[in-house]
Protein backbone atom coordinates (compact mmCIF):
# COMPACT_ATOMS: atom_id res chain seq x y z
CA MET A 1 50.31 24.85 29.36
CA SER A 2 47.84 27.41 30.98
CA LEU A 3 45.74 30.14 29.43
CA ASN A 4 45.58 33.47 30.96
CA GLN A 5 43.20 36.25 30.47
CA VAL A 6 44.57 39.72 30.07
CA LEU A 7 42.49 42.97 30.07
CA ALA A 8 43.45 45.56 27.64
CA PRO A 9 44.41 48.94 29.27
CA GLN A 10 41.33 50.65 27.71
CA LEU A 11 39.06 47.90 29.37
CA GLN A 12 40.81 48.33 32.68
CA GLN A 13 40.10 52.00 32.55
CA SER A 14 36.71 51.60 31.52
CA LEU A 15 35.89 49.13 34.50
CA ASN A 16 37.66 51.44 36.88
CA LEU A 17 35.45 54.31 35.68
CA LEU A 18 32.23 52.37 35.96
CA GLN A 19 33.23 51.33 39.61
CA ALA A 20 34.18 54.70 40.85
CA PRO A 21 32.25 56.93 43.28
CA THR A 22 30.73 59.89 42.16
CA LEU A 23 33.35 62.50 43.82
CA GLU A 24 36.08 60.30 42.39
CA LEU A 25 34.63 60.15 38.96
CA LYS A 26 34.33 64.03 38.85
CA ALA A 27 37.91 64.47 39.95
CA MET A 28 38.93 62.05 37.11
CA VAL A 29 36.90 64.07 34.66
CA ASP A 30 38.34 67.35 35.89
CA GLN A 31 41.77 66.00 35.67
CA GLU A 32 41.28 64.77 31.98
CA LEU A 33 39.81 68.23 31.06
CA GLN A 34 43.15 70.06 32.16
CA ILE A 35 45.36 67.44 30.72
CA ASN A 36 43.62 66.89 27.25
CA PRO A 37 43.20 70.22 25.14
CA VAL A 38 40.71 68.51 22.82
CA LEU A 39 38.11 67.92 25.64
CA GLU A 40 35.73 70.69 26.38
CA GLU A 41 33.68 71.19 29.52
């Protein structure tokens, strides 16, 4: 029997955001602003 740890998708996304370079992070934010009508700039 072995134990495996699985990261939740939200946690994986959070880790990716924290590790992203500034330009990549800005691109991610811009993309989310276009996709999600609830977000405002």
